[in-house]
Amino acid sequence: MKRQKRDLIKGRLLCGEGLHRFEISYSCSAGFLANFIDNPNFNYIVTAGHCYNRDTGNNFYHYPWGSKYTTYFIGQMVYHSVQKYDFGLIEIRGTHTDPIPMIRNLDSSRYRQLHIHDTTQVSSHGVHLCKSGLFTHVTCGYVRAFDGICIDRRGFMTDLIITDMHSYHGDSGGPVYFILKICTQLV
Protein backbone atom coordinates (compact mmCIF):
# COMPACT_ATOMS: atom_id res chain seq x y z
CA MET A 1 0.00 0.00 0.00
CA LYS A 2 1.36 3.44 -0.92
CA ARG A 3 1.69 6.04 1.79
CA GLN A 4 -0.37 9.15 1.33
CA LYS A 5 1.54 12.41 0.99
CA ARG A 6 1.25 14.44 4.16
CA ASP A 7 -0.21 17.48 2.38
CA LEU A 8 -3.09 15.38 1.04
CA ILE A 9 -4.37 14.38 4.49
CA LYS A 10 -7.50 16.31 5.42
CA GLY A 11 -8.50 17.40 8.91
CA ARG A 12 -12.15 17.05 9.83
CA LEU A 13 -13.91 20.27 10.83
CA LEU A 14 -17.03 19.78 12.93
CA CYS A 15 -19.60 22.35 14.00
CA GLY A 16 -18.48 23.97 17.26
CA GLU A 17 -14.77 23.82 16.46
CA GLY A 18 -12.64 26.90 16.12
CA LEU A 19 -12.15 29.28 13.23
CA HIS A 20 -9.01 31.39 13.62
CA ARG A 21 -7.79 34.56 11.89
CA PHE A 22 -4.03 35.05 12.06
CA GLU A 23 -4.20 38.71 10.94
CA ILE A 24 -5.47 39.86 14.33
CA SER A 25 -5.24 36.65 16.42
CA TYR A 26 -9.00 36.28 16.84
CA SER A 27 -11.14 33.13 17.04
CA CYS A 28 -14.79 32.20 16.63
CA SER A 29 -16.63 28.88 16.33
CA ALA A 30 -18.08 27.12 13.30
CA GLY A 31 -21.88 27.13 13.47
CA PHE A 32 -23.23 24.89 10.75
CA LEU A 33 -22.85 24.17 7.05
CA ALA A 34 -24.99 25.78 4.35
CA ASN A 35 -25.07 26.03 0.58
CA PHE A 36 -26.46 28.48 -1.96
CA ILE A 37 -29.90 27.24 -2.99
CA ASP A 38 -29.45 28.21 -6.67
CA ASN A 39 -25.98 26.68 -6.88
CA PRO A 40 -25.21 23.89 -4.39
CA ASN A 41 -21.53 24.04 -5.42
CA PHE A 42 -21.13 27.14 -3.23
CA ASN A 43 -20.66 25.80 0.31
CA TYR A 44 -20.39 27.93 3.44
CA ILE A 45 -19.74 27.73 7.14
CA VAL A 46 -22.15 29.94 9.07
CA THR A 47 -20.66 31.73 12.08
CA ALA A 48 -21.08 35.05 13.93
CA GLY A 49 -21.00 38.17 11.76
CA HIS A 50 -19.02 40.09 14.36
CA CYS A 51 -16.06 37.79 13.60
CA TYR A 52 -15.58 39.90 10.45
CA ASN A 53 -12.99 42.68 10.53
CA ARG A 54 -13.10 45.36 7.85
CA ASP A 55 -9.35 46.02 8.11
CA THR A 56 -8.13 42.48 7.32
CA GLY A 57 -8.52 39.83 4.63
CA ASN A 58 -10.84 37.75 6.85
CA ASN A 59 -9.16 34.46 6.01
CA PHE A 60 -10.15 31.73 8.45
CA TYR A 61 -8.15 28.66 9.46
CA HIS A 62 -9.08 25.49 11.38
CA TYR A 63 -8.55 25.65 15.16
CA PRO A 64 -9.50 22.24 16.66
CA TRP A 65 -10.55 21.86 20.29
CA GLY A 66 -7.65 21.43 22.70
CA SER A 67 -5.09 22.02 19.97
CA LYS A 68 -2.93 24.79 18.58
CA TYR A 69 -3.89 26.87 15.58
CA THR A 70 -3.41 25.07 12.30
CA THR A 71 -2.47 26.55 8.94
CA TYR A 72 -5.33 24.61 7.33
CA PHE A 73 -7.10 27.31 5.32
CA ILE A 74 -10.89 27.03 5.41
CA GLY A 75 -11.96 30.07 3.46
CA GLN A 76 -12.79 33.75 3.50
CA MET A 77 -15.82 35.45 5.04
CA VAL A 78 -17.72 36.67 1.97
CA TYR A 79 -20.80 38.06 3.75
CA HIS A 80 -21.49 39.35 7.23
CA SER A 81 -24.22 41.16 9.12
CA VAL A 82 -24.56 42.38 12.68
CA GLN A 83 -27.75 44.38 12.21
CA LYS A 84 -30.92 42.35 12.74
CA TYR A 85 -29.09 39.01 12.94
CA ASP A 86 -25.42 38.50 13.79
CA PHE A 87 -24.13 36.02 11.20
CA GLY A 88 -21.39 35.61 8.64
CA LEU A 89 -20.75 33.24 5.74
CA ILE A 90 -17.30 31.76 5.16
CA GLU A 91 -17.01 30.33 1.66
CA ILE A 92 -15.26 26.97 1.92
CA ARG A 93 -12.23 27.16 -0.36
CA GLY A 94 -9.55 25.27 1.56
CA THR A 95 -8.43 21.84 0.51
CA HIS A 96 -6.95 20.64 3.82
CA THR A 97 -10.16 20.57 5.85
CA ASP A 98 -13.24 18.49 5.36
CA PRO A 99 -16.29 20.14 7.01
CA ILE A 100 -18.66 17.58 8.51
CA PRO A 101 -22.32 18.47 9.36
CA MET A 102 -22.04 17.12 12.89
CA ILE A 103 -21.60 18.85 16.25
CA ARG A 104 -18.32 18.38 18.16
CA ASN A 105 -18.94 16.93 21.64
CA LEU A 106 -15.56 15.43 22.60
CA ASP A 107 -16.12 15.83 26.35
CA SER A 108 -18.74 13.06 26.22
CA SER A 109 -17.44 9.52 26.39
CA ARG A 110 -20.55 8.16 24.70
CA TYR A 111 -21.72 10.78 22.16
CA ARG A 112 -18.56 12.45 20.79
CA GLN A 113 -20.34 13.69 17.67
CA LEU A 114 -23.99 14.69 17.40
CA HIS A 115 -26.01 14.49 14.20
CA ILE A 116 -27.86 17.59 13.02
CA HIS A 117 -31.34 16.49 11.94
CA ASP A 118 -33.34 19.66 11.34
CA THR A 119 -33.70 23.35 12.15
CA THR A 120 -36.35 25.00 14.28
CA GLN A 121 -37.06 28.27 16.05
CA VAL A 122 -36.95 28.62 19.81
CA SER A 123 -40.32 29.95 20.92
CA SER A 124 -40.85 28.99 24.58
CA HIS A 125 -39.44 30.13 27.91
CA GLY A 126 -37.74 27.38 29.90
CA VAL A 127 -36.68 25.35 26.85
CA HIS A 128 -33.45 23.40 27.39
CA LEU A 129 -30.70 24.36 24.90
CA CYS A 130 -27.04 23.47 24.42
CA LYS A 131 -24.22 25.05 22.44
CA SER A 132 -20.89 23.81 21.17
CA GLY A 133 -18.01 26.29 21.12
CA LEU A 134 -14.24 26.48 20.88
CA PHE A 135 -13.37 27.36 24.49
CA THR A 136 -16.16 26.14 26.77
CA HIS A 137 -17.05 23.19 24.52
CA VAL A 138 -20.59 21.88 25.14
CA THR A 139 -22.60 23.68 27.79
CA CYS A 140 -26.35 23.63 28.34
CA GLY A 141 -28.95 25.84 30.00
CA TYR A 142 -32.49 27.15 29.78
CA VAL A 143 -34.16 30.01 27.89
CA ARG A 144 -34.81 32.76 30.43
CA ALA A 145 -36.16 35.57 28.22
CA PHE A 146 -36.84 36.74 24.68
CA ASP A 147 -36.30 40.23 23.22
CA GLY A 148 -33.34 40.84 25.52
CA ILE A 149 -31.08 43.89 25.29
CA CYS A 150 -27.30 43.97 25.80
CA ILE A 151 -25.45 47.26 26.27
CA ASP A 152 -21.65 47.46 26.23
CA ARG A 153 -18.90 49.84 25.13
CA ARG A 154 -19.55 49.09 21.43
CA GLY A 155 -23.24 49.94 21.58
CA PHE A 156 -26.35 47.88 22.18
CA MET A 157 -27.96 44.80 20.69
CA THR A 158 -31.66 43.97 20.77
CA ASP A 159 -33.92 40.96 20.12
CA LEU A 160 -31.61 38.60 22.01
CA ILE A 161 -32.55 35.24 23.48
CA ILE A 162 -31.30 35.19 27.09
CA THR A 163 -30.11 31.84 28.50
CA ASP A 164 -28.12 30.71 31.52
CA MET A 165 -25.64 28.53 29.60
CA HIS A 166 -21.95 29.34 30.05
CA SER A 167 -19.90 30.69 27.13
CA TYR A 168 -16.72 32.65 26.54
CA HIS A 169 -15.01 34.69 23.84
CA GLY A 170 -14.31 32.41 20.88
CA ASP A 171 -17.55 30.46 21.35
CA SER A 172 -19.33 33.04 19.17
CA GLY A 173 -20.92 31.54 16.10
CA GLY A 174 -21.09 27.97 17.42
CA PRO A 175 -24.27 25.92 16.97
CA VAL A 176 -27.11 26.13 19.49
CA TYR A 177 -29.23 23.01 19.63
CA PHE A 178 -31.49 20.83 21.69
CA ILE A 179 -31.41 17.09 22.10
CA LEU A 180 -34.50 15.30 20.96
CA LYS A 181 -35.24 12.32 23.15
CA ILE A 182 -37.45 9.71 21.63
CA CYS A 183 -39.11 7.55 24.23
CA THR A 184 -40.43 4.17 23.36
CA GLN A 185 -42.65 2.14 25.57
CA LEU A 186 -42.60 -1.61 25.59
CA VAL A 187 -46.03 -3.13 25.40
C-alpha atoms as a PDB file:
ATOM      1  CA  MET A   1       0.000   0.000   0.000  1.00  0.00           C
ATOM      2  CA  LYS A   2       1.357   3.442  -0.919  1.00  0.00           C
ATOM      3  CA  ARG A   3       1.693   6.044   1.786  1.00  0.00           C
ATOM      4  CA  GLN A   4      -0.372   9.145   1.328  1.00  0.00           C
ATOM      5  CA  LYS A   5       1.537  12.406   0.988  1.00  0.00           C
ATOM      6  CA  ARG A   6       1.251  14.440   4.160  1.00  0.00           C
ATOM      7  CA  ASP A   7      -0.205  17.477   2.377  1.00  0.00           C
ATOM      8  CA  LEU A   8      -3.092  15.382   1.040  1.00  0.00           C
ATOM      9  CA  ILE A   9      -4.371  14.376   4.488  1.00  0.00           C
ATOM     10  CA  LYS A  10      -7.503  16.312   5.423  1.00  0.00           C
ATOM     11  CA  GLY A  11      -8.497  17.400   8.907  1.00  0.00           C
ATOM     12  CA  ARG A  12     -12.154  17.049   9.832  1.00  0.00           C
ATOM     13  CA  LEU A  13     -13.910  20.270  10.835  1.00  0.00           C
ATOM     14  CA  LEU A  14     -17.035  19.777  12.931  1.00  0.00           C
ATOM     15  CA  CYS A  15     -19.603  22.350  14.002  1.00  0.00           C
ATOM     16  CA  GLY A  16     -18.485  23.973  17.262  1.00  0.00           C
ATOM     17  CA  GLU A  17     -14.766  23.816  16.455  1.00  0.00           C
ATOM     18  CA  GLY A  18     -12.638  26.901  16.120  1.00  0.00           C
ATOM     19  CA  LEU A  19     -12.148  29.280  13.227  1.00  0.00           C
ATOM     20  CA  HIS A  20      -9.009  31.388  13.622  1.00  0.00           C
ATOM     21  CA  ARG A  21      -7.786  34.556  11.891  1.00  0.00           C
ATOM     22  CA  PHE A  22      -4.032  35.055  12.059  1.00  0.00           C
ATOM     23  CA  GLU A  23      -4.195  38.710  10.938  1.00  0.00           C
ATOM     24  CA  ILE A  24      -5.474  39.856  14.326  1.00  0.00           C
ATOM     25  CA  SER A  25      -5.242  36.649  16.417  1.00  0.00           C
ATOM     26  CA  TYR A  26      -8.997  36.281  16.838  1.00  0.00           C
ATOM     27  CA  SER A  27     -11.137  33.135  17.044  1.00  0.00           C
ATOM     28  CA  CYS A  28     -14.789  32.196  16.630  1.00  0.00           C
ATOM     29  CA  SER A  29     -16.634  28.883  16.328  1.00  0.00           C
ATOM     30  CA  ALA A  30     -18.083  27.122  13.297  1.00  0.00           C
ATOM     31  CA  GLY A  31     -21.881  27.125  13.470  1.00  0.00           C
ATOM     32  CA  PHE A  32     -23.229  24.894  10.750  1.00  0.00           C
ATOM     33  CA  LEU A  33     -22.849  24.169   7.049  1.00  0.00           C
ATOM     34  CA  ALA A  34     -24.986  25.780   4.355  1.00  0.00           C
ATOM     35  CA  ASN A  35     -25.065  26.033   0.585  1.00  0.00           C
ATOM     36  CA  PHE A  36     -26.459  28.478  -1.959  1.00  0.00           C
ATOM     37  CA  ILE A  37     -29.900  27.239  -2.989  1.00  0.00           C
ATOM     38  CA  ASP A  38     -29.453  28.210  -6.668  1.00  0.00           C
ATOM     39  CA  ASN A  39     -25.978  26.683  -6.883  1.00  0.00           C
ATOM     40  CA  PRO A  40     -25.206  23.894  -4.392  1.00  0.00           C
ATOM     41  CA  ASN A  41     -21.529  24.042  -5.420  1.00  0.00           C
ATOM     42  CA  PHE A  42     -21.132  27.143  -3.225  1.00  0.00           C
ATOM     43  CA  ASN A  43     -20.659  25.805   0.310  1.00  0.00           C
ATOM     44  CA  TYR A  44     -20.394  27.929   3.439  1.00  0.00           C
ATOM     45  CA  ILE A  45     -19.743  27.731   7.138  1.00  0.00           C
ATOM     46  CA  VAL A  46     -22.153  29.936   9.069  1.00  0.00           C
ATOM     47  CA  THR A  47     -20.656  31.726  12.083  1.00  0.00           C
ATOM     48  CA  ALA A  48     -21.079  35.048  13.928  1.00  0.00           C
ATOM     49  CA  GLY A  49     -21.004  38.170  11.760  1.00  0.00           C
ATOM     50  CA  HIS A  50     -19.016  40.089  14.362  1.00  0.00           C
ATOM     51  CA  CYS A  51     -16.063  37.786  13.596  1.00  0.00           C
ATOM     52  CA  TYR A  52     -15.583  39.898  10.455  1.00  0.00           C
ATOM     53  CA  ASN A  53     -12.994  42.676  10.528  1.00  0.00           C
ATOM     54  CA  ARG A  54     -13.101  45.364   7.845  1.00  0.00           C
ATOM     55  CA  ASP A  55      -9.348  46.017   8.110  1.00  0.00           C
ATOM     56  CA  THR A  56      -8.129  42.475   7.317  1.00  0.00           C
ATOM     57  CA  GLY A  57      -8.520  39.830   4.633  1.00  0.00           C
ATOM     58  CA  ASN A  58     -10.843  37.751   6.854  1.00  0.00           C
ATOM     59  CA  ASN A  59      -9.163  34.463   6.007  1.00  0.00           C
ATOM     60  CA  PHE A  60     -10.153  31.734   8.448  1.00  0.00           C
ATOM     61  CA  TYR A  61      -8.146  28.656   9.461  1.00  0.00           C
ATOM     62  CA  HIS A  62      -9.079  25.495  11.379  1.00  0.00           C
ATOM     63  CA  TYR A  63      -8.552  25.646  15.161  1.00  0.00           C
ATOM     64  CA  PRO A  64      -9.503  22.243  16.664  1.00  0.00           C
ATOM     65  CA  TRP A  65     -10.551  21.857  20.289  1.00  0.00           C
ATOM     66  CA  GLY A  66      -7.647  21.426  22.696  1.00  0.00           C
ATOM     67  CA  SER A  67      -5.086  22.016  19.969  1.00  0.00           C
ATOM     68  CA  LYS A  68      -2.931  24.793  18.582  1.00  0.00           C
ATOM     69  CA  TYR A  69      -3.889  26.870  15.583  1.00  0.00           C
ATOM     70  CA  THR A  70      -3.410  25.070  12.298  1.00  0.00           C
ATOM     71  CA  THR A  71      -2.468  26.547   8.942  1.00  0.00           C
ATOM     72  CA  TYR A  72      -5.334  24.609   7.330  1.00  0.00           C
ATOM     73  CA  PHE A  73      -7.096  27.307   5.323  1.00  0.00           C
ATOM     74  CA  ILE A  74     -10.892  27.029   5.410  1.00  0.00           C
ATOM     75  CA  GLY A  75     -11.960  30.073   3.458  1.00  0.00           C
ATOM     76  CA  GLN A  76     -12.792  33.754   3.498  1.00  0.00           C
ATOM     77  CA  MET A  77     -15.819  35.453   5.037  1.00  0.00           C
ATOM     78  CA  VAL A  78     -17.724  36.674   1.974  1.00  0.00           C
ATOM     79  CA  TYR A  79     -20.798  38.064   3.746  1.00  0.00           C
ATOM     80  CA  HIS A  80     -21.489  39.348   7.229  1.00  0.00           C
ATOM     81  CA  SER A  81     -24.217  41.161   9.116  1.00  0.00           C
ATOM     82  CA  VAL A  82     -24.561  42.384  12.679  1.00  0.00           C
ATOM     83  CA  GLN A  83     -27.752  44.381  12.213  1.00  0.00           C
ATOM     84  CA  LYS A  84     -30.919  42.346  12.739  1.00  0.00           C
ATOM     85  CA  TYR A  85     -29.087  39.009  12.943  1.00  0.00           C
ATOM     86  CA  ASP A  86     -25.421  38.498  13.787  1.00  0.00           C
ATOM     87  CA  PHE A  87     -24.129  36.020  11.205  1.00  0.00           C
ATOM     88  CA  GLY A  88     -21.391  35.607   8.643  1.00  0.00           C
ATOM     89  CA  LEU A  89     -20.749  33.238   5.738  1.00  0.00           C
ATOM     90  CA  ILE A  90     -17.302  31.765   5.162  1.00  0.00           C
ATOM     91  CA  GLU A  91     -17.015  30.326   1.659  1.00  0.00           C
ATOM     92  CA  ILE A  92     -15.260  26.966   1.917  1.00  0.00           C
ATOM     93  CA  ARG A  93     -12.228  27.165  -0.357  1.00  0.00           C
ATOM     94  CA  GLY A  94      -9.554  25.275   1.561  1.00  0.00           C
ATOM     95  CA  THR A  95      -8.426  21.843   0.510  1.00  0.00           C
ATOM     96  CA  HIS A  96      -6.953  20.640   3.823  1.00  0.00           C
ATOM     97  CA  THR A  97     -10.162  20.570   5.851  1.00  0.00           C
ATOM     98  CA  ASP A  98     -13.243  18.488   5.364  1.00  0.00           C
ATOM     99  CA  PRO A  99     -16.289  20.144   7.005  1.00  0.00           C
ATOM    100  CA  ILE A 100     -18.664  17.579   8.507  1.00  0.00           C
ATOM    101  CA  PRO A 101     -22.315  18.467   9.360  1.00  0.00           C
ATOM    102  CA  MET A 102     -22.039  17.121  12.893  1.00  0.00           C
ATOM    103  CA  ILE A 103     -21.595  18.848  16.254  1.00  0.00           C
ATOM    104  CA  ARG A 104     -18.319  18.383  18.163  1.00  0.00           C
ATOM    105  CA  ASN A 105     -18.940  16.934  21.641  1.00  0.00           C
ATOM    106  CA  LEU A 106     -15.563  15.425  22.604  1.00  0.00           C
ATOM    107  CA  ASP A 107     -16.119  15.828  26.349  1.00  0.00           C
ATOM    108  CA  SER A 108     -18.735  13.059  26.225  1.00  0.00           C
ATOM    109  CA  SER A 109     -17.441   9.519  26.389  1.00  0.00           C
ATOM    110  CA  ARG A 110     -20.547   8.164  24.696  1.00  0.00           C
ATOM    111  CA  TYR A 111     -21.717  10.781  22.156  1.00  0.00           C
ATOM    112  CA  ARG A 112     -18.560  12.450  20.794  1.00  0.00           C
ATOM    113  CA  GLN A 113     -20.341  13.686  17.671  1.00  0.00           C
ATOM    114  CA  LEU A 114     -23.988  14.693  17.405  1.00  0.00           C
ATOM    115  CA  HIS A 115     -26.009  14.492  14.202  1.00  0.00           C
ATOM    116  CA  ILE A 116     -27.861  17.590  13.015  1.00  0.00           C
ATOM    117  CA  HIS A 117     -31.344  16.492  11.940  1.00  0.00           C
ATOM    118  CA  ASP A 118     -33.340  19.663  11.340  1.00  0.00           C
ATOM    119  CA  THR A 119     -33.702  23.349  12.146  1.00  0.00           C
ATOM    120  CA  THR A 120     -36.352  25.005  14.276  1.00  0.00           C
ATOM    121  CA  GLN A 121     -37.061  28.265  16.055  1.00  0.00           C
ATOM    122  CA  VAL A 122     -36.948  28.620  19.812  1.00  0.00           C
ATOM    123  CA  SER A 123     -40.319  29.949  20.921  1.00  0.00           C
ATOM    124  CA  SER A 124     -40.850  28.991  24.577  1.00  0.00           C
ATOM    125  CA  HIS A 125     -39.436  30.126  27.910  1.00  0.00           C
ATOM    126  CA  GLY A 126     -37.742  27.382  29.896  1.00  0.00           C
ATOM    127  CA  VAL A 127     -36.676  25.353  26.848  1.00  0.00           C
ATOM    128  CA  HIS A 128     -33.454  23.395  27.386  1.00  0.00           C
ATOM    129  CA  LEU A 129     -30.699  24.363  24.900  1.00  0.00           C
ATOM    130  CA  CYS A 130     -27.043  23.468  24.422  1.00  0.00           C
ATOM    131  CA  LYS A 131     -24.220  25.049  22.437  1.00  0.00           C
ATOM    132  CA  SER A 132     -20.888  23.805  21.169  1.00  0.00           C
ATOM    133  CA  GLY A 133     -18.015  26.288  21.120  1.00  0.00           C
ATOM    134  CA  LEU A 134     -14.236  26.478  20.883  1.00  0.00           C
ATOM    135  CA  PHE A 135     -13.373  27.363  24.485  1.00  0.00           C
ATOM    136  CA  THR A 136     -16.161  26.141  26.769  1.00  0.00           C
ATOM    137  CA  HIS A 137     -17.053  23.188  24.525  1.00  0.00           C
ATOM    138  CA  VAL A 138     -20.585  21.883  25.138  1.00  0.00           C
ATOM    139  CA  THR A 139     -22.605  23.684  27.793  1.00  0.00           C
ATOM    140  CA  CYS A 140     -26.354  23.632  28.338  1.00  0.00           C
ATOM    141  CA  GLY A 141     -28.946  25.838  30.002  1.00  0.00           C
ATOM    142  CA  TYR A 142     -32.489  27.149  29.777  1.00  0.00           C
ATOM    143  CA  VAL A 143     -34.156  30.008  27.887  1.00  0.00           C
ATOM    144  CA  ARG A 144     -34.808  32.763  30.432  1.00  0.00           C
ATOM    145  CA  ALA A 145     -36.163  35.565  28.221  1.00  0.00           C
ATOM    146  CA  PHE A 146     -36.839  36.742  24.676  1.00  0.00           C
ATOM    147  CA  ASP A 147     -36.303  40.230  23.217  1.00  0.00           C
ATOM    148  CA  GLY A 148     -33.336  40.838  25.523  1.00  0.00           C
ATOM    149  CA  ILE A 149     -31.075  43.890  25.289  1.00  0.00           C
ATOM    150  CA  CYS A 150     -27.304  43.972  25.804  1.00  0.00           C
ATOM    151  CA  ILE A 151     -25.451  47.263  26.274  1.00  0.00           C
ATOM    152  CA  ASP A 152     -21.653  47.460  26.229  1.00  0.00           C
ATOM    153  CA  ARG A 153     -18.896  49.842  25.127  1.00  0.00           C
ATOM    154  CA  ARG A 154     -19.550  49.093  21.430  1.00  0.00           C
ATOM    155  CA  GLY A 155     -23.244  49.943  21.576  1.00  0.00           C
ATOM    156  CA  PHE A 156     -26.353  47.885  22.177  1.00  0.00           C
ATOM    157  CA  MET A 157     -27.964  44.797  20.693  1.00  0.00           C
ATOM    158  CA  THR A 158     -31.656  43.967  20.771  1.00  0.00           C
ATOM    159  CA  ASP A 159     -33.923  40.963  20.118  1.00  0.00           C
ATOM    160  CA  LEU A 160     -31.608  38.604  22.010  1.00  0.00           C
ATOM    161  CA  ILE A 161     -32.554  35.241  23.483  1.00  0.00           C
ATOM    162  CA  ILE A 162     -31.296  35.187  27.088  1.00  0.00           C
ATOM    163  CA  THR A 163     -30.113  31.844  28.498  1.00  0.00           C
ATOM    164  CA  ASP A 164     -28.124  30.708  31.519  1.00  0.00           C
ATOM    165  CA  MET A 165     -25.640  28.534  29.599  1.00  0.00           C
ATOM    166  CA  HIS A 166     -21.952  29.337  30.052  1.00  0.00           C
ATOM    167  CA  SER A 167     -19.904  30.686  27.131  1.00  0.00           C
ATOM    168  CA  TYR A 168     -16.715  32.646  26.543  1.00  0.00           C
ATOM    169  CA  HIS A 169     -15.009  34.690  23.836  1.00  0.00           C
ATOM    170  CA  GLY A 170     -14.306  32.415  20.882  1.00  0.00           C
ATOM    171  CA  ASP A 171     -17.547  30.458  21.354  1.00  0.00           C
ATOM    172  CA  SER A 172     -19.332  33.041  19.174  1.00  0.00           C
ATOM    173  CA  GLY A 173     -20.917  31.536  16.096  1.00  0.00           C
ATOM    174  CA  GLY A 174     -21.090  27.965  17.420  1.00  0.00           C
ATOM    175  CA  PRO A 175     -24.267  25.916  16.969  1.00  0.00           C
ATOM    176  CA  VAL A 176     -27.106  26.133  19.492  1.00  0.00           C
ATOM    177  CA  TYR A 177     -29.232  23.013  19.625  1.00  0.00           C
ATOM    178  CA  PHE A 178     -31.488  20.833  21.689  1.00  0.00           C
ATOM    179  CA  ILE A 179     -31.410  17.089  22.097  1.00  0.00           C
ATOM    180  CA  LEU A 180     -34.502  15.299  20.959  1.00  0.00           C
ATOM    181  CA  LYS A 181     -35.244  12.319  23.153  1.00  0.00           C
ATOM    182  CA  ILE A 182     -37.454   9.715  21.628  1.00  0.00           C
ATOM    183  CA  CYS A 183     -39.111   7.554  24.230  1.00  0.00           C
ATOM    184  CA  THR A 184     -40.431   4.170  23.363  1.00  0.00           C
ATOM    185  CA  GLN A 185     -42.648   2.142  25.575  1.00  0.00           C
ATOM    186  CA  LEU A 186     -42.597  -1.611  25.586  1.00  0.00           C
ATOM    187  CA  VAL A 187     -46.029  -3.131  25.402  1.00  0.00           C
END
